[in-house]
C-alpha atoms as a PDB file:
ATOM      1  CA  MET A   1      -2.552  28.460  -0.027  1.00  0.00           C
ATOM      2  CA  GLY A   2      -2.545  31.199   2.561  1.00  0.00           C
ATOM      3  CA  ARG A   3       0.353  30.917   4.991  1.00  0.00           C
ATOM      4  CA  MET A   4       1.028  27.252   4.203  1.00  0.00           C
ATOM      5  CA  PRO A   5       4.451  26.483   2.715  1.00  0.00           C
ATOM      6  CA  GLN A   6       4.446  25.134  -0.831  1.00  0.00           C
ATOM      7  CA  ILE A   7       6.295  22.127  -2.220  1.00  0.00           C
ATOM      8  CA  LEU A   8       6.461  20.440  -5.600  1.00  0.00           C
ATOM      9  CA  LEU A   9       5.744  16.723  -5.305  1.00  0.00           C
ATOM     10  CA  THR A  10       6.863  14.355  -8.057  1.00  0.00           C
ATOM     11  CA  THR A  11       5.280  10.917  -7.875  1.00  0.00           C
ATOM     12  CA  THR A  12       5.480   7.865 -10.122  1.00  0.00           C
ATOM     13  CA  GLY A  13       2.217   7.255 -11.948  1.00  0.00           C
ATOM     14  CA  ARG A  14       0.546   4.090 -10.717  1.00  0.00           C
ATOM     15  CA  LYS A  15      -0.732   3.281 -14.212  1.00  0.00           C
ATOM     16  CA  THR A  16       1.853   4.883 -16.486  1.00  0.00           C
ATOM     17  CA  GLY A  17       5.032   4.602 -14.436  1.00  0.00           C
ATOM     18  CA  LYS A  18       5.834   8.156 -15.585  1.00  0.00           C
ATOM     19  CA  PRO A  19       6.714  11.040 -13.268  1.00  0.00           C
ATOM     20  CA  HIS A  20       3.923  13.464 -12.326  1.00  0.00           C
ATOM     21  CA  THR A  21       4.578  16.757 -10.545  1.00  0.00           C
ATOM     22  CA  VAL A  22       1.989  18.744  -8.585  1.00  0.00           C
ATOM     23  CA  PRO A  23       2.275  21.834  -6.368  1.00  0.00           C
ATOM     24  CA  LEU A  24       0.962  21.205  -2.843  1.00  0.00           C
ATOM     25  CA  GLY A  25       0.650  22.960   0.452  1.00  0.00           C
ATOM     26  CA  ALA A  26       2.518  21.114   3.190  1.00  0.00           C
ATOM     27  CA  VAL A  27       2.998  21.278   6.942  1.00  0.00           C
ATOM     28  CA  ARG A  28       6.525  20.951   8.288  1.00  0.00           C
ATOM     29  CA  GLU A  29       6.668  17.891  10.566  1.00  0.00           C
ATOM     30  CA  GLY A  30       9.984  16.974  12.174  1.00  0.00           C
ATOM     31  CA  ASP A  31      12.454  16.233   9.399  1.00  0.00           C
ATOM     32  CA  GLY A  32       9.690  15.852   6.806  1.00  0.00           C
ATOM     33  CA  TRP A  33       6.559  17.385   5.366  1.00  0.00           C
ATOM     34  CA  ALA A  34       2.922  16.419   5.916  1.00  0.00           C
ATOM     35  CA  VAL A  35       0.642  16.631   2.878  1.00  0.00           C
ATOM     36  CA  ILE A  36      -3.152  16.734   2.890  1.00  0.00           C
ATOM     37  CA  ALA A  37      -5.070  14.749   0.233  1.00  0.00           C
ATOM     38  CA  SER A  38      -8.161  16.978   0.419  1.00  0.00           C
ATOM     39  CA  PHE A  39      -8.896  17.277  -3.335  1.00  0.00           C
ATOM     40  CA  ASN A  40     -11.054  20.311  -2.440  1.00  0.00           C
ATOM     41  CA  GLY A  41     -13.442  18.049  -0.538  1.00  0.00           C
ATOM     42  CA  ALA A  42     -14.184  15.710  -3.466  1.00  0.00           C
ATOM     43  CA  ASP A  43     -15.457  12.228  -2.655  1.00  0.00           C
ATOM     44  CA  VAL A  44     -12.421  10.591  -4.289  1.00  0.00           C
ATOM     45  CA  HIS A  45      -8.725  10.724  -3.451  1.00  0.00           C
ATOM     46  CA  PRO A  46      -6.504  12.876  -5.675  1.00  0.00           C
ATOM     47  CA  ASN A  47      -4.370  11.062  -8.234  1.00  0.00           C
ATOM     48  CA  TRP A  48      -1.128  12.168  -6.584  1.00  0.00           C
ATOM     49  CA  TRP A  49      -2.257  10.404  -3.373  1.00  0.00           C
ATOM     50  CA  LEU A  50      -3.143   7.199  -5.227  1.00  0.00           C
ATOM     51  CA  ASN A  51       0.272   7.357  -6.909  1.00  0.00           C
ATOM     52  CA  LEU A  52       1.991   7.710  -3.511  1.00  0.00           C
ATOM     53  CA  VAL A  53       0.068   4.768  -2.089  1.00  0.00           C
ATOM     54  CA  ALA A  54       1.136   2.631  -5.063  1.00  0.00           C
ATOM     55  CA  HIS A  55       4.719   3.991  -5.128  1.00  0.00           C
ATOM     56  CA  PRO A  56       5.604   5.617  -1.772  1.00  0.00           C
ATOM     57  CA  GLU A  57       9.020   6.843  -2.907  1.00  0.00           C
ATOM     58  CA  ALA A  58       8.857  10.304  -4.451  1.00  0.00           C
ATOM     59  CA  THR A  59      10.752  13.571  -4.773  1.00  0.00           C
ATOM     60  CA  ILE A  60       9.841  16.946  -3.346  1.00  0.00           C
ATOM     61  CA  GLN A  61      11.244  20.319  -4.201  1.00  0.00           C
ATOM     62  CA  VAL A  62      11.326  22.845  -1.385  1.00  0.00           C
ATOM     63  CA  GLY A  63      12.661  26.153  -2.629  1.00  0.00           C
ATOM     64  CA  ASP A  64      15.728  25.212  -4.663  1.00  0.00           C
ATOM     65  CA  GLN A  65      16.337  21.951  -2.770  1.00  0.00           C
ATOM     66  CA  SER A  66      15.303  18.562  -4.208  1.00  0.00           C
ATOM     67  CA  ILE A  67      14.729  15.816  -1.616  1.00  0.00           C
ATOM     68  CA  ASN A  68      14.051  12.104  -2.142  1.00  0.00           C
ATOM     69  CA  VAL A  69      11.275  11.045   0.233  1.00  0.00           C
ATOM     70  CA  ARG A  70       9.152   8.094   1.251  1.00  0.00           C
ATOM     71  CA  MET A  71       5.482   8.567   2.165  1.00  0.00           C
ATOM     72  CA  GLN A  72       3.953   7.059   5.253  1.00  0.00           C
ATOM     73  CA  GLU A  73       0.245   7.598   5.889  1.00  0.00           C
ATOM     74  CA  ILE A  74      -0.434   9.344   9.187  1.00  0.00           C
ATOM     75  CA  THR A  75      -2.812   7.027  11.027  1.00  0.00           C
ATOM     76  CA  ASN A  76      -1.993   7.698  14.689  1.00  0.00           C
ATOM     77  CA  PRO A  77      -5.106   9.599  15.900  1.00  0.00           C
ATOM     78  CA  GLU A  78      -3.194  12.132  18.016  1.00  0.00           C
ATOM     79  CA  ASP A  79      -0.669  12.899  15.269  1.00  0.00           C
ATOM     80  CA  ARG A  80      -3.418  13.109  12.671  1.00  0.00           C
ATOM     81  CA  GLU A  81      -5.507  15.518  14.753  1.00  0.00           C
ATOM     82  CA  ARG A  82      -2.507  17.717  15.581  1.00  0.00           C
ATOM     83  CA  ILE A  83      -1.357  17.958  11.963  1.00  0.00           C
ATOM     84  CA  TRP A  84      -4.914  18.430  10.675  1.00  0.00           C
ATOM     85  CA  ASN A  85      -5.480  21.271  13.153  1.00  0.00           C
ATOM     86  CA  THR A  86      -2.223  22.904  12.069  1.00  0.00           C
ATOM     87  CA  ALA A  87      -3.274  22.659   8.418  1.00  0.00           C
ATOM     88  CA  VAL A  88      -6.699  24.186   9.199  1.00  0.00           C
ATOM     89  CA  SER A  89      -5.059  27.010  11.164  1.00  0.00           C
ATOM     90  CA  LEU A  90      -2.958  27.823   8.086  1.00  0.00           C
ATOM     91  CA  VAL A  91      -5.678  27.290   5.450  1.00  0.00           C
ATOM     92  CA  LYS A  92      -9.176  27.687   6.905  1.00  0.00           C
ATOM     93  CA  ARG A  93     -10.956  26.104   3.931  1.00  0.00           C
ATOM     94  CA  TYR A  94      -9.614  22.643   4.847  1.00  0.00           C
ATOM     95  CA  ALA A  95     -12.322  22.543   7.535  1.00  0.00           C
ATOM     96  CA  SER A  96     -15.021  22.955   4.873  1.00  0.00           C
ATOM     97  CA  TYR A  97     -13.429  20.256   2.703  1.00  0.00           C
ATOM     98  CA  ALA A  98     -13.802  17.725   5.525  1.00  0.00           C
ATOM     99  CA  LYS A  99     -17.502  18.641   5.819  1.00  0.00           C
ATOM    100  CA  LYS A 100     -18.082  18.335   2.050  1.00  0.00           C
ATOM    101  CA  THR A 101     -16.913  14.741   1.738  1.00  0.00           C
ATOM    102  CA  GLY A 102     -17.861  11.447   3.328  1.00  0.00           C
ATOM    103  CA  ARG A 103     -14.282  10.177   3.130  1.00  0.00           C
ATOM    104  CA  VAL A 104     -11.608  10.670   5.737  1.00  0.00           C
ATOM    105  CA  ILE A 105      -9.097  13.016   4.139  1.00  0.00           C
ATOM    106  CA  PRO A 106      -5.736  11.216   4.214  1.00  0.00           C
ATOM    107  CA  LEU A 107      -2.582  12.814   5.555  1.00  0.00           C
ATOM    108  CA  GLY A 108       0.831  11.587   4.504  1.00  0.00           C
ATOM    109  CA  LEU A 109       4.243  12.217   5.962  1.00  0.00           C
ATOM    110  CA  LEU A 110       6.991  12.647   3.398  1.00  0.00           C
ATOM    111  CA  ARG A 111      10.274  11.851   5.124  1.00  0.00           C
ATOM    112  CA  PRO A 112      13.719  12.111   3.571  1.00  0.00           C
ATOM    113  CA  ILE A 113      15.272   8.854   2.433  1.00  0.00           C
ATOM    114  CA  THR A 114      18.707   8.523   3.989  1.00  0.00           C
END
């Protein structure tokens, strides 16, 4: 993932209710992490994103730290553009993913649950 930090995201399966863990690149954003549901530019959302939409509470592992988080979709246009541009600056191929698909690639903010 180039210079982008990596996290492990564990979601609850929307159909199975079982935990599912995936490695993801993430952008540090305030006290949380922004994740990009690019799915390599596919025309469908990745399963981990659909799981987060159905069950927004999840766990991330950053290094040796495990953090309980809640996902909020980033919909504010200025925030979305800023975070998207940061992601593209770290991993250039994100720009090509946006061109490959007709969908708007969702961004989610994973913030610690306090």
